[in-house]
Amino acid sequence: MTSTLAAPAFLQKICSRADAAAHLARLPRPWVFTNGVFDILHRGHATYLAQARSLGGSLVVALNSDASARRLGKGPDRPLNLEADRAVMMAALESVSLVTWFDENTPLELITELRPDILVKGGDYDMQKLAETAVVQAYGGTALAIPFVDGYSTTALVRKIKQPHGG
């Protein structure tokens, strides 16, 4: 007997940039926005995203497109996971409400379009130096940094995987 399984419900969290505003309008406020490559999900990402989500009613994650991620200079083999795969992994997380992409070097244009209530970045950012902070604060939103969970990074994981064993 053959059964057909329905697509996982979390896939409905993924939407194109063109549809992001319409999807976001249906989500509870305040809207929290963060962005990144999120190439290989790890404990630091899960903790950061859960903390970001706890600040509001919904969490929007904007992923760097593959082209945007390559321009960040993290290495010729990055991202390891394609944007569609990264989006699926992100959407599967309970803390994430909506996943979309941006192709520019920064999410400034997307933030201007979506107007999130709260912008969140990792603790390695000086929020006052980001153009995104100025945009969010100009319309009355809040921008803040969440401390990293020490010892976790995709770059460190990639380095560890590439190390020869036994040496």
Protein backbone atom coordinates (compact mmCIF):
# COMPACT_ATOMS: atom_id res chain seq x y z
CA MET A 1 0.00 0.00 0.00
CA THR A 2 1.37 3.39 -0.99
CA SER A 3 0.73 6.49 1.06
CA THR A 4 1.27 10.07 0.05
CA LEU A 5 2.68 12.27 2.75
CA ALA A 6 1.74 15.92 2.88
CA ALA A 7 4.50 18.51 2.75
CA PRO A 8 5.63 19.57 6.22
CA ALA A 9 3.63 22.55 7.51
CA PHE A 10 6.79 24.49 8.32
CA LEU A 11 7.44 24.96 4.59
CA GLN A 12 4.61 27.51 4.63
CA LYS A 13 6.94 29.81 6.62
CA ILE A 14 9.15 30.28 3.53
CA CYS A 15 8.20 33.03 1.11
CA SER A 16 9.75 35.07 -1.64
CA ARG A 17 10.91 38.59 -0.92
CA ALA A 18 8.08 39.90 -3.11
CA ASP A 19 5.53 38.13 -0.88
CA ALA A 20 7.23 38.80 2.47
CA ALA A 21 5.25 41.94 3.41
CA ALA A 22 1.90 40.22 2.79
CA HIS A 23 2.93 37.17 4.84
CA LEU A 24 4.33 39.34 7.62
CA ALA A 25 1.10 41.35 7.87
CA ARG A 26 -0.68 38.17 9.02
CA LEU A 27 1.76 37.52 11.88
CA PRO A 28 1.49 38.74 15.48
CA ARG A 29 3.37 41.91 16.45
CA PRO A 30 5.84 43.07 17.47
CA TRP A 31 7.83 41.79 14.51
CA VAL A 32 11.43 40.88 15.26
CA PHE A 33 13.83 40.81 12.30
CA THR A 34 17.24 39.23 11.98
CA ASN A 35 19.38 38.16 9.09
CA GLY A 36 22.39 36.09 8.18
CA VAL A 37 23.78 33.23 6.14
CA PHE A 38 22.98 30.49 8.70
CA ASP A 39 24.98 28.02 6.61
CA ILE A 40 25.31 25.13 9.07
CA LEU A 41 22.88 25.46 11.95
CA HIS A 42 24.42 24.92 15.36
CA ARG A 43 23.66 25.47 19.04
CA GLY A 44 24.67 29.14 18.88
CA HIS A 45 22.17 29.79 16.08
CA ALA A 46 19.35 27.96 17.87
CA THR A 47 19.95 29.89 21.09
CA TYR A 48 20.27 33.24 19.31
CA LEU A 49 17.07 32.71 17.31
CA ALA A 50 15.09 31.61 20.37
CA GLN A 51 16.27 34.70 22.26
CA ALA A 52 15.38 36.92 19.30
CA ARG A 53 11.90 35.36 19.07
CA SER A 54 11.28 35.93 22.78
CA LEU A 55 11.49 39.69 22.16
CA GLY A 56 8.29 39.84 20.12
CA GLY A 57 5.27 38.16 18.61
CA SER A 58 6.97 36.87 15.44
CA LEU A 59 10.51 36.33 14.18
CA VAL A 60 11.42 37.06 10.56
CA VAL A 61 14.71 35.62 9.33
CA ALA A 62 16.14 37.08 6.13
CA LEU A 63 18.78 34.83 4.62
CA ASN A 64 21.62 36.08 2.47
CA SER A 65 21.09 34.61 -0.99
CA ASP A 66 23.89 32.35 -2.19
CA ALA A 67 25.38 35.22 -4.23
CA SER A 68 25.16 37.61 -1.28
CA ALA A 69 26.76 35.02 1.02
CA ARG A 70 29.66 34.49 -1.39
CA ARG A 71 30.35 38.24 -1.39
CA LEU A 72 30.89 38.14 2.39
CA GLY A 73 34.31 36.57 1.82
CA LYS A 74 33.93 33.55 4.11
CA GLY A 75 35.69 31.32 1.60
CA PRO A 76 35.32 30.00 -1.94
CA ASP A 77 33.33 26.97 -0.81
CA ARG A 78 30.72 28.94 1.14
CA PRO A 79 27.89 28.72 1.57
CA LEU A 80 28.03 24.97 1.91
CA ASN A 81 24.25 24.68 1.86
CA LEU A 82 22.24 26.32 -0.92
CA GLU A 83 19.77 29.06 0.00
CA ALA A 84 16.72 26.82 -0.50
CA ASP A 85 18.19 24.21 1.86
CA ARG A 86 19.15 26.85 4.42
CA ALA A 87 15.60 28.22 4.25
CA VAL A 88 14.08 24.80 4.94
CA MET A 89 16.32 24.26 7.96
CA MET A 90 15.51 27.73 9.28
CA ALA A 91 11.76 27.28 8.76
CA ALA A 92 11.84 23.99 10.67
CA LEU A 93 12.84 25.84 13.83
CA GLU A 94 10.00 26.53 16.24
CA SER A 95 11.25 30.04 17.00
CA VAL A 96 11.14 31.18 13.36
CA SER A 97 7.88 32.59 11.99
CA LEU A 98 8.88 33.63 8.47
CA VAL A 99 11.88 33.05 6.19
CA THR A 100 12.79 35.09 3.13
CA TRP A 101 15.94 36.16 1.22
CA PHE A 102 17.84 39.24 0.18
CA ASP A 103 20.42 39.46 -2.59
CA GLU A 104 22.14 42.71 -1.60
CA ASN A 105 25.18 42.86 0.68
CA THR A 106 22.99 44.01 3.59
CA PRO A 107 19.26 43.70 4.34
CA LEU A 108 18.81 47.50 4.40
CA GLU A 109 16.34 47.59 1.50
CA LEU A 110 14.34 44.66 2.88
CA ILE A 111 14.15 46.26 6.33
CA THR A 112 12.95 49.48 4.70
CA GLU A 113 10.22 47.50 2.90
CA LEU A 114 9.08 45.38 5.87
CA ARG A 115 9.52 47.91 8.71
CA PRO A 116 10.05 45.43 11.55
CA ASP A 117 9.44 46.64 15.10
CA ILE A 118 12.71 45.21 16.42
CA LEU A 119 15.99 44.61 14.60
CA VAL A 120 18.27 42.04 16.23
CA LYS A 121 21.87 41.21 15.36
CA GLY A 122 24.55 39.05 16.93
CA GLY A 123 26.76 40.43 19.65
CA ASP A 124 29.70 41.02 17.30
CA TYR A 125 27.91 43.99 15.70
CA ASP A 126 28.14 47.56 16.88
CA MET A 127 24.48 48.44 16.39
CA GLN A 128 25.15 52.19 16.25
CA LYS A 129 27.38 51.74 13.20
CA LEU A 130 24.76 49.88 11.14
CA ALA A 131 22.70 51.78 8.57
CA GLU A 132 19.87 49.35 9.37
CA THR A 133 19.74 50.65 12.94
CA ALA A 134 19.24 54.23 11.75
CA VAL A 135 16.40 53.16 9.44
CA VAL A 136 14.59 51.16 12.16
CA GLN A 137 15.00 53.90 14.76
CA ALA A 138 13.80 56.57 12.29
CA TYR A 139 10.32 55.01 12.19
CA GLY A 140 10.24 54.30 15.94
CA GLY A 141 11.60 50.76 16.02
CA THR A 142 14.26 49.28 18.28
CA ALA A 143 17.65 47.80 17.35
CA LEU A 144 19.69 45.63 19.69
CA ALA A 145 22.44 43.03 19.80
CA ILE A 146 22.10 39.63 21.43
CA PRO A 147 25.30 38.13 22.87
CA PHE A 148 26.75 35.13 21.06
CA VAL A 149 26.95 31.72 22.67
CA ASP A 150 30.73 31.40 22.98
CA GLY A 151 32.48 28.59 21.15
CA TYR A 152 30.05 28.12 18.27
CA SER A 153 30.48 29.28 14.69
CA THR A 154 29.98 27.81 11.25
CA THR A 155 33.50 28.87 10.27
CA ALA A 156 34.94 26.94 13.23
CA LEU A 157 32.85 23.88 12.33
CA VAL A 158 34.09 23.97 8.73
CA ARG A 159 37.69 24.22 9.96
CA LYS A 160 37.16 21.25 12.30
CA ILE A 161 35.63 19.12 9.55
CA LYS A 162 38.56 19.84 7.23
CA GLN A 163 41.21 18.89 9.81
CA PRO A 164 43.02 15.65 9.07
CA HIS A 165 42.17 12.96 11.63
CA GLY A 166 44.74 11.59 14.00
CA GLY A 167 47.23 14.39 13.48
